[in-house]
Protein backbone atom coordinates (compact mmCIF):
# COMPACT_ATOMS: atom_id res chain seq x y z
CA MET A 1 3.58 2.85 -17.97
CA LYS A 2 3.07 1.17 -14.59
CA SER A 3 -0.32 1.53 -12.93
CA ILE A 4 -0.32 2.60 -9.30
CA VAL A 5 -3.40 2.86 -7.08
CA ILE A 6 -3.55 5.46 -4.32
CA GLY A 7 -6.16 5.86 -1.61
CA CYS A 8 -6.58 7.50 1.76
CA ASP A 9 -8.94 8.44 4.50
CA HIS A 10 -9.58 12.07 5.49
CA ALA A 11 -6.37 12.27 7.55
CA GLY A 12 -4.28 11.27 4.54
CA TYR A 13 -6.05 13.43 1.98
CA GLU A 14 -3.55 16.31 1.87
CA LEU A 15 -0.59 13.94 1.47
CA LYS A 16 -2.43 11.91 -1.18
CA VAL A 17 -3.02 15.03 -3.28
CA ALA A 18 0.67 15.96 -3.09
CA LEU A 19 1.88 12.44 -3.94
CA LYS A 20 -0.59 12.04 -6.78
CA ALA A 21 0.69 15.24 -8.40
CA THR A 22 4.25 13.91 -8.15
CA LEU A 23 3.37 10.48 -9.57
CA GLU A 24 1.29 11.59 -12.55
CA GLY A 25 3.33 11.64 -15.72
CA ASN A 26 5.59 8.83 -14.48
CA TYR A 27 2.81 6.39 -13.60
CA ALA A 28 -0.80 5.75 -14.51
CA VAL A 29 -2.39 6.75 -11.20
CA ILE A 30 -5.71 5.24 -10.12
CA ASP A 31 -7.17 7.40 -7.35
CA VAL A 32 -9.79 5.54 -5.30
CA GLY A 33 -10.45 8.42 -2.91
CA THR A 34 -11.27 9.91 -0.55
CA ASP A 35 -11.73 13.26 -2.21
CA SER A 36 -11.90 15.61 0.77
CA GLU A 37 -11.09 15.99 4.44
CA ALA A 38 -14.63 14.96 5.46
CA PRO A 39 -14.40 12.06 7.93
CA VAL A 40 -14.44 8.56 6.38
CA ASP A 41 -13.34 5.11 7.54
CA TYR A 42 -9.87 3.89 6.50
CA PRO A 43 -10.88 0.20 6.10
CA ASP A 44 -13.10 1.18 3.17
CA TYR A 45 -10.11 2.66 1.35
CA ALA A 46 -7.84 -0.27 2.24
CA VAL A 47 -10.34 -2.49 0.42
CA LYS A 48 -10.50 -0.17 -2.59
CA VAL A 49 -6.71 -0.07 -2.95
CA ALA A 50 -6.41 -3.83 -2.46
CA ARG A 51 -9.12 -4.61 -5.00
CA GLU A 52 -7.30 -2.65 -7.73
CA ILE A 53 -4.17 -4.73 -7.10
CA LEU A 54 -5.90 -8.10 -6.73
CA ASP A 55 -7.99 -7.52 -9.86
CA GLY A 56 -4.84 -6.64 -11.83
CA ARG A 57 -5.64 -3.01 -12.59
CA ALA A 58 -2.66 -1.75 -10.56
CA GLU A 59 0.75 -3.25 -9.90
CA ARG A 60 1.23 -1.63 -6.50
CA GLY A 61 -0.63 0.62 -4.12
CA ILE A 62 -0.15 3.50 -1.74
CA LEU A 63 -2.50 3.81 1.22
CA ILE A 64 -2.53 6.73 3.66
CA CYS A 65 -4.31 7.36 6.96
CA GLY A 66 -3.39 9.49 9.98
CA SER A 67 -0.80 7.21 11.58
CA GLY A 68 -0.73 4.53 8.89
CA VAL A 69 -1.33 1.85 11.51
CA GLY A 70 -5.06 1.33 11.04
CA ALA A 71 -4.87 1.28 7.25
CA CYS A 72 -1.99 -1.20 7.40
CA VAL A 73 -3.87 -3.51 9.74
CA ALA A 74 -6.98 -3.37 7.54
CA ALA A 75 -5.07 -3.99 4.29
CA ASN A 76 -3.24 -6.99 5.72
CA LYS A 77 -6.54 -8.69 6.53
CA ILE A 78 -7.08 -9.12 2.79
CA ARG A 79 -5.72 -12.33 1.30
CA GLY A 80 -2.91 -11.65 -1.17
CA ILE A 81 -2.07 -8.23 0.21
CA ARG A 82 1.31 -7.56 1.78
CA ALA A 83 1.14 -4.03 3.15
CA GLY A 84 3.93 -2.37 5.04
CA LEU A 85 3.88 0.80 7.11
CA CYS A 86 7.15 2.54 6.27
CA HIS A 87 8.60 5.76 7.53
CA ASP A 88 12.18 5.13 6.34
CA THR A 89 13.50 4.44 2.84
CA TYR A 90 15.30 1.21 3.77
CA SER A 91 12.02 -0.43 4.82
CA ALA A 92 10.22 0.96 1.78
CA HIS A 93 12.55 -0.77 -0.71
CA GLN A 94 13.50 -3.79 1.42
CA GLY A 95 9.82 -4.60 1.97
CA VAL A 96 9.51 -5.13 -1.78
CA GLU A 97 12.90 -6.79 -2.30
CA HIS A 98 12.46 -9.40 0.45
CA ASP A 99 8.72 -9.52 1.23
CA ASN A 100 7.19 -8.66 -2.15
CA MET A 101 5.22 -5.88 -0.44
CA ASN A 102 2.47 -4.64 -2.75
CA ILE A 103 1.06 -1.74 -0.69
CA LEU A 104 3.08 1.03 0.91
CA VAL A 105 1.24 2.51 3.88
CA LEU A 106 2.07 6.00 5.13
CA GLY A 107 1.04 8.07 8.12
CA GLY A 108 -0.18 11.40 6.78
CA ARG A 109 0.02 12.97 10.23
CA VAL A 110 3.42 11.44 10.97
CA ILE A 111 5.69 12.25 8.03
CA GLY A 112 6.21 15.26 5.82
CA HIS A 113 5.77 15.51 2.08
CA ALA A 114 9.49 15.34 1.23
CA LEU A 115 10.00 12.11 3.16
CA ALA A 116 6.79 10.64 1.73
CA HIS A 117 8.06 11.40 -1.77
CA ASP A 118 11.34 9.59 -1.05
CA LEU A 119 9.49 6.61 0.44
CA VAL A 120 7.17 6.29 -2.54
CA PHE A 121 10.00 6.31 -5.05
CA ALA A 122 12.06 3.84 -2.98
CA PHE A 123 9.00 1.54 -2.90
CA LEU A 124 8.14 1.91 -6.57
CA GLY A 125 11.75 1.53 -7.72
CA ALA A 126 12.32 -1.71 -5.81
CA VAL A 127 12.01 -5.19 -7.32
CA PHE A 128 11.35 -8.49 -5.53
CA THR A 129 14.58 -10.51 -5.62
CA GLY A 130 12.89 -13.90 -5.95
CA GLU A 131 15.63 -15.50 -3.86
CA ASP A 132 14.75 -18.95 -2.54
CA ARG A 133 14.71 -17.86 1.11
CA HIS A 134 12.24 -15.06 0.36
CA VAL A 135 10.02 -17.28 -1.79
CA ARG A 136 10.02 -19.88 1.01
CA ARG A 137 8.98 -17.27 3.58
CA LEU A 138 6.23 -15.89 1.35
CA ALA A 139 4.89 -19.43 0.91
CA LYS A 140 4.67 -19.69 4.70
CA ILE A 141 2.75 -16.41 4.81
CA ALA A 142 0.35 -17.70 2.14
CA ALA A 143 -0.11 -20.87 4.22
CA LEU A 144 -0.98 -18.71 7.24
CA GLU A 145 -3.60 -16.91 5.16
CA GLU A 146 -5.11 -20.27 4.20
CA THR A 147 -5.00 -21.65 7.74
CA PHE A 148 -6.60 -18.65 9.37
CA HIS A 149 -8.95 -17.49 6.60
CA THR A 150 -12.55 -17.29 7.86
CA ASN A 151 -14.39 -17.51 4.53
CA ALA A 152 -14.92 -13.75 4.61
CA THR A 153 -15.57 -12.20 1.24
CA ARG A 154 -13.31 -9.56 -0.32
CA ASP A 155 -16.05 -6.92 -0.14
């Protein structure tokens, strides 16, 4: 059974609960919080989701905040993470197939539960093609991470 990590801030809590219920039984779900609608900071949950993936405990992640934008920006600051904010199914599967996206980011205040469900399953059902052109482009992204990395820790 594939392991999936899911995390959110307070604005994504309701959607996280709904998605987690849908995923359990089909996936081993690692829930890194938050566990209520009390205000928290989305970068903290971007790190928690990313760490589960980078440490090999989860294959892919789902990250939710109000718009999805802030969580996506935060996640993409972490070396080795390729997060994509998706609100359509084409982007959700194509982001994996071409860009080897490992975190799907959703806007809990932007999309409804039915669309979120479709996005998650498009993302989780997709496979990286490994085509030369995509591998070449990912190598360039990794080089950018190396060039612009500031010796910040993964805390």
